[in-house]
Amino acid sequence: MQLTIENLLESKGIIEGETGVKTTNLGIKRLGGEITIQSLDPKKLEQILKEANSGKSTLELNKKIIYMSVIDPNLKDNELLKGYGCKNNPYEIVEKIFTITEIGIIADKIAKLNGLDDVKNLEDFVVEIKN
């Protein structure tokens, strides 16, 4: 069935609900607290997907995704970055705070928030887009 203008207007509430910014809290048991993550702006997500296509490692991509998506606590905070010695490479804060396993889990949750539920990693998503 071809979508019509009328279909799109009737579905506006549903569409906006699915495409707007989404947030959720994740418990980090080892640290004894929660973080708040949000879905990425489509332009930021597109930028990351281009980087995935250029051969960056999954860990590097996941660190960037997490850095950009964790809104509480604010991983971009200058004091935090300075305190962990990450001022010159802010994405490193992710690896300094979270374990490799936690990074994978958090990145997976962020992917789901962005509607990438069936994607195991960004490289797979890029391959799906190409095909």
Protein backbone atom coordinates (compact mmCIF):
# COMPACT_ATOMS: atom_id res chain seq x y z
CA MET A 1 0.00 0.00 0.00
CA GLN A 2 1.33 3.40 -0.96
CA LEU A 3 1.54 5.92 1.87
CA THR A 4 -0.51 9.03 1.31
CA ILE A 5 -0.37 12.50 2.76
CA GLU A 6 -3.55 11.66 4.67
CA ASN A 7 -1.91 8.51 6.15
CA LEU A 8 1.07 10.52 7.29
CA LEU A 9 -1.07 13.24 8.82
CA GLU A 10 -3.27 10.68 10.61
CA SER A 11 -0.16 8.96 11.98
CA LYS A 12 1.63 12.16 12.98
CA GLY A 13 1.43 11.47 16.74
CA ILE A 14 2.76 7.94 16.34
CA ILE A 15 5.52 9.02 13.96
CA GLU A 16 6.68 11.87 16.18
CA GLY A 17 6.63 9.57 19.21
CA GLU A 18 8.87 7.10 17.44
CA THR A 19 11.26 9.62 15.94
CA GLY A 20 11.67 12.05 18.83
CA VAL A 21 14.44 11.98 21.42
CA LYS A 22 14.04 9.00 23.75
CA THR A 23 15.67 8.59 27.16
CA THR A 24 15.99 5.78 29.65
CA ASN A 25 17.90 4.98 32.82
CA LEU A 26 20.37 2.11 33.11
CA GLY A 27 21.60 0.70 36.39
CA ILE A 28 25.35 0.17 36.63
CA LYS A 29 25.58 -2.38 39.43
CA ARG A 30 29.36 -2.13 39.85
CA LEU A 31 29.13 1.63 40.38
CA GLY A 32 26.01 1.45 42.55
CA GLY A 33 23.90 3.88 40.54
CA GLU A 34 22.14 4.74 37.32
CA ILE A 35 23.02 6.63 34.20
CA THR A 36 20.57 8.33 31.84
CA ILE A 37 21.02 7.72 28.14
CA GLN A 38 19.26 9.31 25.20
CA SER A 39 18.84 8.51 21.54
CA LEU A 40 21.16 10.31 19.17
CA ASP A 41 20.26 13.11 16.82
CA PRO A 42 19.99 11.62 13.30
CA LYS A 43 22.91 13.73 12.03
CA LYS A 44 25.17 12.49 14.84
CA LEU A 45 24.09 8.92 14.18
CA GLU A 46 24.82 9.36 10.48
CA GLN A 47 28.30 10.69 11.32
CA ILE A 48 29.02 7.66 13.51
CA LEU A 49 27.77 5.27 10.82
CA LYS A 50 30.13 6.90 8.31
CA GLU A 51 32.99 6.38 10.77
CA ALA A 52 32.00 2.72 11.12
CA ASN A 53 32.24 2.41 7.36
CA SER A 54 35.73 3.94 7.40
CA GLY A 55 37.15 1.09 9.48
CA LYS A 56 37.15 2.41 13.05
CA SER A 57 37.11 -0.30 15.72
CA THR A 58 33.86 -1.24 17.42
CA LEU A 59 35.28 -0.17 20.78
CA GLU A 60 36.17 3.29 19.47
CA LEU A 61 32.72 3.69 17.94
CA ASN A 62 31.00 2.47 21.11
CA LYS A 63 33.01 4.93 23.22
CA LYS A 64 31.92 7.78 20.98
CA ILE A 65 28.28 6.66 20.99
CA ILE A 66 28.25 6.40 24.78
CA TYR A 67 30.03 9.72 25.23
CA MET A 68 27.43 11.41 23.04
CA SER A 69 24.41 9.60 24.53
CA VAL A 70 24.97 9.60 28.31
CA ILE A 71 23.32 12.76 29.59
CA ASP A 72 23.42 12.10 33.33
CA PRO A 73 26.03 12.17 34.63
CA ASN A 74 27.32 14.53 31.98
CA LEU A 75 30.39 12.78 30.57
CA LYS A 76 31.32 16.01 28.78
CA ASP A 77 31.83 17.85 32.09
CA ASN A 78 35.22 19.61 32.06
CA GLU A 79 35.95 18.77 35.71
CA LEU A 80 35.23 15.10 35.10
CA LEU A 81 37.41 15.00 31.98
CA LYS A 82 40.22 16.83 33.74
CA GLY A 83 39.94 14.60 36.84
CA TYR A 84 40.34 11.45 34.74
CA GLY A 85 43.05 12.93 32.50
CA CYS A 86 40.86 12.85 29.40
CA LYS A 87 40.80 16.52 28.48
CA ASN A 88 42.69 15.97 25.21
CA ASN A 89 40.75 12.82 24.25
CA PRO A 90 37.29 13.09 25.81
CA TYR A 91 35.98 9.75 24.45
CA GLU A 92 38.50 7.99 26.72
CA ILE A 93 36.34 8.92 29.73
CA VAL A 94 34.01 6.09 28.73
CA GLU A 95 36.74 3.45 29.02
CA LYS A 96 38.03 4.97 32.26
CA ILE A 97 34.61 4.76 33.95
CA PHE A 98 33.01 1.66 32.44
CA THR A 99 34.33 -1.87 31.91
CA ILE A 100 34.50 -3.34 28.41
CA THR A 101 31.41 -5.45 29.18
CA GLU A 102 29.51 -2.40 30.44
CA ILE A 103 30.51 -0.47 27.31
CA GLY A 104 29.04 -3.21 25.11
CA ILE A 105 25.81 -3.37 27.10
CA ILE A 106 25.37 0.42 27.21
CA ALA A 107 26.07 0.72 23.47
CA ASP A 108 23.49 -2.01 22.81
CA LYS A 109 20.86 -0.14 24.84
CA ILE A 110 21.65 3.07 22.97
CA ALA A 111 21.31 1.22 19.65
CA LYS A 112 17.85 0.05 20.73
CA LEU A 113 16.86 3.60 21.68
CA ASN A 114 17.87 4.64 18.17
CA GLY A 115 15.72 1.92 16.60
CA LEU A 116 18.59 -0.39 15.73
CA ASP A 117 17.15 -3.34 17.68
CA ASP A 118 18.17 -6.07 15.25
CA VAL A 119 21.69 -4.76 14.70
CA LYS A 120 24.46 -6.59 16.55
CA ASN A 121 27.06 -3.90 15.88
CA LEU A 122 27.51 -0.84 13.71
CA GLU A 123 29.48 -2.67 11.05
CA ASP A 124 26.51 -5.01 10.50
CA PHE A 125 24.20 -2.00 10.20
CA VAL A 126 26.41 -0.39 7.59
CA VAL A 127 26.43 -3.64 5.61
CA GLU A 128 22.62 -3.81 5.84
CA ILE A 129 22.34 -0.28 4.47
CA LYS A 130 24.65 -1.07 1.56
CA ASN A 131 22.67 -4.18 0.59
